[in-house]
Protein backbone atom coordinates (compact mmCIF):
# COMPACT_ATOMS: atom_id res chain seq x y z
CA MET A 1 26.49 -13.86 15.03
CA ASN A 2 26.59 -17.08 17.08
CA GLY A 3 29.23 -18.91 14.97
CA GLN A 4 31.74 -18.34 17.82
CA GLY A 5 29.98 -20.41 20.46
CA GLU A 6 27.31 -18.24 21.77
CA THR A 7 24.04 -20.33 22.84
CA ASN A 8 21.52 -17.72 21.70
CA PRO A 9 19.84 -18.76 18.46
CA MET A 10 20.27 -17.27 15.06
CA PHE A 11 17.94 -17.67 12.12
CA ALA A 12 19.36 -17.55 8.60
CA ILE A 13 16.74 -16.20 5.73
CA THR A 14 17.27 -16.80 2.23
CA GLY A 15 14.93 -14.80 -0.30
CA ILE A 16 14.60 -12.02 2.44
CA THR A 17 13.88 -9.24 -0.05
CA GLY A 18 11.09 -10.97 -1.56
CA LYS A 19 7.42 -11.34 -0.26
CA VAL A 20 7.62 -14.47 1.49
CA GLY A 21 11.27 -14.23 2.75
CA GLY A 22 10.35 -10.88 3.97
CA GLU A 23 7.34 -11.88 5.98
CA VAL A 24 9.48 -14.78 7.73
CA ALA A 25 11.92 -12.11 8.62
CA ARG A 26 9.54 -9.68 10.03
CA ASN A 27 7.79 -12.37 12.13
CA LEU A 28 11.02 -13.67 13.51
CA LEU A 29 12.23 -9.99 14.43
CA ALA A 30 8.60 -9.43 15.91
CA ALA A 31 9.42 -12.19 18.22
CA ASN A 32 12.81 -10.67 19.11
CA GLN A 33 14.72 -13.45 17.43
CA PRO A 34 18.17 -12.59 15.87
CA VAL A 35 17.91 -12.70 11.99
CA ARG A 36 20.96 -13.15 9.43
CA ALA A 37 19.89 -11.90 5.96
CA VAL A 38 21.26 -13.97 3.19
CA VAL A 39 21.26 -11.74 0.01
CA ARG A 40 22.72 -11.76 -3.49
CA ASP A 41 23.16 -7.91 -3.39
CA LEU A 42 24.09 -6.52 -0.12
CA SER A 43 22.64 -3.05 -1.23
CA LYS A 44 19.20 -4.42 -1.23
CA GLY A 45 19.71 -5.94 2.14
CA GLU A 46 20.18 -2.63 3.47
CA ALA A 47 16.85 -1.83 4.91
CA TRP A 48 17.03 -5.29 6.84
CA ALA A 49 20.37 -4.48 8.20
CA GLN A 50 19.00 -1.08 9.72
CA LEU A 51 16.37 -3.44 11.32
CA GLY A 52 19.00 -4.95 13.14
CA CYS A 53 19.73 -8.01 10.96
CA ASP A 54 23.09 -9.49 10.40
CA LEU A 55 23.80 -9.23 6.39
CA VAL A 56 25.52 -11.80 4.44
CA ARG A 57 26.08 -11.90 0.79
CA ALA A 58 25.56 -15.31 -0.76
CA ASP A 59 23.71 -16.36 -4.09
CA ILE A 60 21.56 -19.50 -3.67
CA ASN A 61 23.83 -21.32 -6.43
CA ASP A 62 27.04 -20.57 -4.65
CA ALA A 63 27.81 -23.18 -2.12
CA GLY A 64 31.13 -21.57 -1.00
CA ALA A 65 29.28 -18.62 -0.19
CA LEU A 66 26.09 -20.44 1.36
CA THR A 67 28.11 -22.50 3.60
CA PRO A 68 29.38 -19.54 5.77
CA ALA A 69 26.00 -17.92 5.71
CA PHE A 70 24.34 -20.98 6.97
CA LYS A 71 27.06 -21.98 9.78
CA GLY A 72 26.18 -21.37 13.28
CA ALA A 73 22.39 -20.87 12.45
CA GLU A 74 19.82 -22.35 14.78
CA SER A 75 17.45 -22.73 11.64
CA VAL A 76 17.82 -21.81 8.00
CA PHE A 77 14.92 -20.68 5.82
CA VAL A 78 15.56 -21.90 2.21
CA LEU A 79 13.57 -20.14 -0.58
CA VAL A 80 14.77 -21.03 -4.10
CA PRO A 81 13.96 -18.00 -6.70
CA PRO A 82 11.10 -19.36 -9.20
CA ASN A 83 11.96 -20.51 -12.51
CA PHE A 84 9.00 -20.19 -14.77
CA ASP A 85 10.71 -21.51 -18.11
CA PRO A 86 12.95 -24.39 -16.83
CA SER A 87 14.99 -26.69 -19.13
CA PRO A 88 13.14 -29.75 -20.01
CA ASP A 89 15.41 -31.84 -17.84
CA PHE A 90 15.02 -29.51 -14.94
CA HIS A 91 18.95 -29.05 -14.95
CA GLU A 92 18.87 -25.70 -13.11
CA ALA A 93 16.80 -27.33 -10.22
CA ARG A 94 19.14 -30.23 -10.08
CA ALA A 95 22.26 -27.91 -9.88
CA THR A 96 20.40 -25.75 -7.23
CA ALA A 97 19.59 -28.84 -5.07
CA ALA A 98 23.15 -30.28 -5.50
CA THR A 99 24.55 -26.64 -4.35
CA LEU A 100 22.22 -26.34 -1.19
CA ARG A 101 22.79 -29.97 -0.16
CA SER A 102 26.59 -29.42 -0.17
CA ALA A 103 26.19 -26.19 1.94
CA LEU A 104 23.92 -27.38 4.30
CA ALA A 105 25.83 -30.68 4.94
CA ALA A 106 28.88 -28.45 5.59
CA ALA A 107 27.41 -25.86 7.68
CA ARG A 108 25.17 -28.23 9.72
CA PRO A 109 22.46 -25.67 10.79
CA GLY A 110 20.15 -27.19 13.76
CA ARG A 111 17.07 -27.08 11.54
CA VAL A 112 16.14 -26.42 7.96
CA VAL A 113 12.59 -25.25 6.67
CA TYR A 114 12.58 -25.43 2.80
CA LEU A 115 9.78 -23.44 0.98
CA SER A 116 8.24 -26.34 -1.20
CA THR A 117 4.87 -26.34 -3.06
CA ILE A 118 1.59 -28.30 -2.99
CA GLY A 119 1.99 -31.23 -5.27
CA ALA A 120 5.73 -31.74 -4.51
CA GLN A 121 4.83 -35.70 -4.18
CA SER A 122 3.34 -35.90 -7.65
CA THR A 123 4.83 -38.24 -9.99
CA GLN A 124 3.62 -36.44 -13.27
CA SER A 125 6.26 -33.91 -14.64
CA ASN A 126 5.28 -30.30 -14.37
CA LEU A 127 6.74 -26.83 -13.48
CA LEU A 128 6.65 -28.03 -9.83
CA THR A 129 8.70 -31.01 -10.30
CA GLN A 130 11.82 -28.42 -9.63
CA HIS A 131 10.67 -28.62 -5.90
CA THR A 132 10.30 -32.49 -5.98
CA ILE A 133 13.96 -32.77 -7.30
CA ILE A 134 15.24 -30.33 -4.60
CA GLU A 135 13.11 -32.17 -1.71
CA GLN A 136 14.49 -35.49 -2.80
CA VAL A 137 18.17 -34.43 -2.79
CA LEU A 138 17.77 -32.41 0.55
CA GLY A 139 16.00 -35.42 1.94
CA GLU A 140 19.35 -37.39 1.74
CA LEU A 141 20.49 -35.05 4.53
CA SER A 142 20.30 -36.19 8.31
CA MET A 143 19.42 -33.04 9.92
CA PRO A 144 15.87 -31.88 10.89
CA ILE A 145 14.07 -30.54 7.80
CA THR A 146 10.47 -29.24 7.31
CA PHE A 147 9.03 -29.21 3.72
CA LEU A 148 6.64 -26.48 3.80
CA ARG A 149 4.07 -27.06 1.00
CA PRO A 150 1.94 -23.98 0.40
CA GLY A 151 -1.17 -23.96 -2.08
CA TRP A 152 -1.38 -21.43 -4.86
CA PHE A 153 -0.41 -17.97 -4.01
CA MET A 154 -3.29 -15.49 -3.66
CA GLU A 155 -0.86 -12.95 -4.64
CA ASN A 156 -0.88 -14.11 -8.11
CA CYS A 157 -3.99 -12.07 -8.60
CA SER A 158 -1.67 -9.21 -8.82
CA TRP A 159 -1.74 -9.78 -12.53
CA ASP A 160 -5.39 -9.40 -12.81
CA VAL A 161 -5.71 -6.07 -10.82
CA ALA A 162 -5.43 -3.99 -14.10
CA SER A 163 -7.95 -5.85 -16.31
CA ALA A 164 -10.43 -6.34 -13.43
CA THR A 165 -10.31 -2.52 -12.88
CA ASN A 166 -10.12 -1.31 -16.47
CA ASP A 167 -12.05 -4.03 -18.42
CA GLY A 168 -14.07 -5.90 -15.71
CA VAL A 169 -12.72 -9.15 -17.28
CA ILE A 170 -10.02 -11.58 -15.80
CA LEU A 171 -8.53 -14.28 -17.74
CA SER A 172 -8.46 -17.75 -15.62
CA PHE A 173 -6.23 -20.59 -16.64
CA LEU A 174 -7.66 -22.20 -13.61
CA GLN A 175 -10.63 -24.15 -14.86
CA PRO A 176 -13.56 -24.88 -14.67
CA ILE A 177 -13.96 -21.38 -12.97
CA ASP A 178 -16.30 -22.99 -10.33
CA LYS A 179 -13.79 -25.37 -9.10
CA PRO A 180 -12.20 -24.71 -5.67
CA VAL A 181 -8.53 -24.14 -5.47
CA PRO A 182 -6.09 -24.32 -2.40
CA MET A 183 -4.78 -20.84 -2.19
CA VAL A 184 -2.95 -19.14 0.49
CA ALA A 185 -1.82 -15.62 1.30
CA THR A 186 2.09 -14.78 1.61
CA ALA A 187 1.37 -13.44 5.08
CA ASP A 188 0.09 -16.70 6.39
CA ILE A 189 3.44 -18.65 4.64
CA GLY A 190 5.53 -16.14 6.11
CA ARG A 191 3.87 -16.30 9.87
CA VAL A 192 3.81 -20.21 9.55
CA ALA A 193 7.33 -20.55 8.37
CA ALA A 194 8.66 -18.55 11.27
CA GLU A 195 6.75 -20.51 13.60
CA LEU A 196 8.15 -23.80 12.35
CA LEU A 197 11.84 -22.46 12.27
CA GLN A 198 11.29 -21.77 16.00
CA GLU A 199 10.01 -25.42 16.79
CA THR A 200 12.09 -28.46 17.62
CA TRP A 201 11.45 -31.69 15.62
CA LYS A 202 13.41 -34.72 14.68
CA GLY A 203 13.88 -36.22 11.17
CA HIS A 204 11.98 -34.96 8.14
CA ARG A 205 8.38 -33.88 7.83
CA VAL A 206 5.90 -32.07 5.61
CA VAL A 207 3.57 -29.40 6.49
CA GLU A 208 0.71 -28.36 3.72
CA LEU A 209 -0.55 -25.02 4.15
CA GLU A 210 -3.59 -23.37 2.74
CA GLY A 211 -5.93 -20.56 3.33
CA PRO A 212 -9.02 -20.39 5.55
CA HIS A 213 -11.17 -22.06 2.75
CA ARG A 214 -10.69 -22.96 -0.84
CA VAL A 215 -11.41 -20.40 -3.70
CA THR A 216 -12.90 -20.34 -7.09
CA PRO A 217 -11.81 -18.19 -9.96
CA ASN A 218 -15.59 -17.00 -9.85
CA GLU A 219 -15.08 -15.95 -6.29
CA ILE A 220 -11.86 -13.97 -7.19
CA ALA A 221 -14.01 -12.17 -9.82
CA THR A 222 -16.74 -11.52 -7.33
CA THR A 223 -14.38 -10.48 -4.61
CA PHE A 224 -12.76 -7.94 -7.04
CA ALA A 225 -16.25 -6.63 -7.95
CA ASP A 226 -17.22 -6.15 -4.36
CA LEU A 227 -13.72 -4.22 -3.67
CA LEU A 228 -13.83 -2.02 -7.02
CA GLY A 229 -17.50 -1.38 -7.01
CA ARG A 230 -18.04 -2.50 -10.54
CA PRO A 231 -18.95 -5.78 -12.41
CA VAL A 232 -15.89 -8.25 -12.70
CA ARG A 233 -16.32 -11.53 -14.62
CA MET A 234 -13.85 -14.55 -14.99
CA GLU A 235 -13.37 -15.63 -18.43
CA PRO A 236 -11.61 -19.08 -18.91
CA VAL A 237 -8.64 -19.21 -21.70
CA PRO A 238 -9.18 -21.90 -23.92
CA ARG A 239 -6.59 -24.68 -23.36
CA GLU A 240 -5.56 -25.41 -27.03
CA THR A 241 -4.40 -21.54 -27.01
CA TRP A 242 -2.13 -21.75 -24.00
CA GLU A 243 1.18 -23.00 -25.78
CA SER A 244 1.07 -20.49 -28.52
CA LEU A 245 0.20 -17.70 -25.91
CA PHE A 246 3.02 -18.66 -23.53
CA LYS A 247 5.52 -18.87 -26.45
CA SER A 248 4.40 -15.52 -27.82
CA GLN A 249 5.28 -14.29 -24.22
CA GLY A 250 8.55 -15.43 -24.72
CA MET A 251 8.52 -18.97 -23.01
CA LYS A 252 10.88 -21.42 -24.66
CA ASN A 253 9.46 -24.49 -22.97
CA PRO A 254 5.90 -23.76 -22.04
CA THR A 255 5.17 -27.61 -21.38
CA PRO A 256 5.87 -27.76 -17.70
CA ARG A 257 3.80 -24.50 -16.80
CA ILE A 258 0.88 -26.09 -19.09
CA LYS A 259 1.19 -29.54 -17.13
CA MET A 260 1.09 -27.52 -13.80
CA LEU A 261 -2.09 -25.69 -14.69
CA ASP A 262 -3.42 -29.18 -15.92
CA GLY A 263 -2.54 -30.73 -12.51
CA PHE A 264 -4.63 -27.90 -10.67
CA ASN A 265 -7.55 -28.27 -13.19
CA GLU A 266 -7.53 -31.91 -12.97
CA GLY A 267 -6.85 -32.41 -9.47
CA TRP A 268 -3.78 -34.36 -9.42
CA ILE A 269 -1.79 -31.33 -7.83
CA GLU A 270 -3.19 -31.59 -4.43
CA PHE A 271 -1.87 -31.84 -0.88
CA GLU A 272 -0.42 -35.29 0.01
CA SER A 273 -3.04 -35.34 3.01
CA ALA A 274 -5.87 -33.52 1.04
CA GLU A 275 -7.80 -30.58 2.37
CA SER A 276 -8.60 -32.40 5.63
CA GLY A 277 -4.98 -32.69 6.69
CA SER A 278 -3.42 -29.32 5.68
CA ARG A 279 -2.91 -26.48 8.07
CA LYS A 280 -5.20 -23.53 7.41
CA GLY A 281 -4.12 -19.89 7.14
CA ARG A 282 -5.89 -16.78 8.66
CA VAL A 283 -5.71 -14.27 5.76
CA ALA A 284 -8.94 -14.25 3.59
CA LEU A 285 -8.85 -13.56 -0.03
CA GLU A 286 -10.41 -10.10 0.31
CA ALA A 287 -7.89 -8.80 2.60
CA VAL A 288 -5.05 -9.90 -0.11
CA LEU A 289 -7.01 -8.56 -3.12
CA GLN A 290 -7.60 -5.19 -0.92
CA THR A 291 -4.03 -4.67 -0.70
CA LEU A 292 -3.12 -5.49 -4.26
CA ILE A 293 -5.61 -2.84 -5.42
CA GLU A 294 -4.35 -0.16 -2.96
CA SER A 295 -0.74 -0.94 -4.05
CA ARG A 296 -1.26 -0.51 -7.84
């Protein structure tokens, strides 16, 4: 730990037990950088401690615990756990934003990389508005902050492996099914985030990230078919059934999720700098689907 005045940098990583946070940490460790693993449950972070990480317990909604976890850090990676069924007023995101702002203001790390999302600049309310709120609140801080905005996660296809394998049919909320969607692999997000954490910059900046090329739902089905050696087709889920379907799955407030899907489908959830201005990842859809199939 370098909270006692040592000059070597240290990187505090939240969400390290998840896919993206884990990728960030692995990339930093591979670069021989010291990592502080910020975890809610110390037992779940034990594997990271064995890899040489400094283990600190803190919940993302506990400013009193986050402040010492962030203190002395050269850079902090902030990942907020997803909330797929938020309150209509997004009070959960507002509370998290206030907590993060308080902890970062008190800890004063050298730099911050916040994992945001494509479309965070949109003025239309939807599920991703949670990140809009947090970006705006963290934007009040004077320290260097990068808002990393990735596209749709390719790993969302994990929900489709069973139906593609067993039935040869995948249900798609992304429509029309021949419309290209900005998608990215978590491996690319982790790699780029680790690179950003090690950079030096001033002020606030936005980095938008997607995969090597945009992907249509039909391409997902075709790629599954190639990998599985069986026909697979994509079938759109009728828009008028979404609300009752999501409520039947237990969602209390499906409107934000529906509006997010509308945003992708109608094109108003897009990168601020459009496709030409986004950073492009290296990992193709085929590699991600192959891993998902193998890990099933």
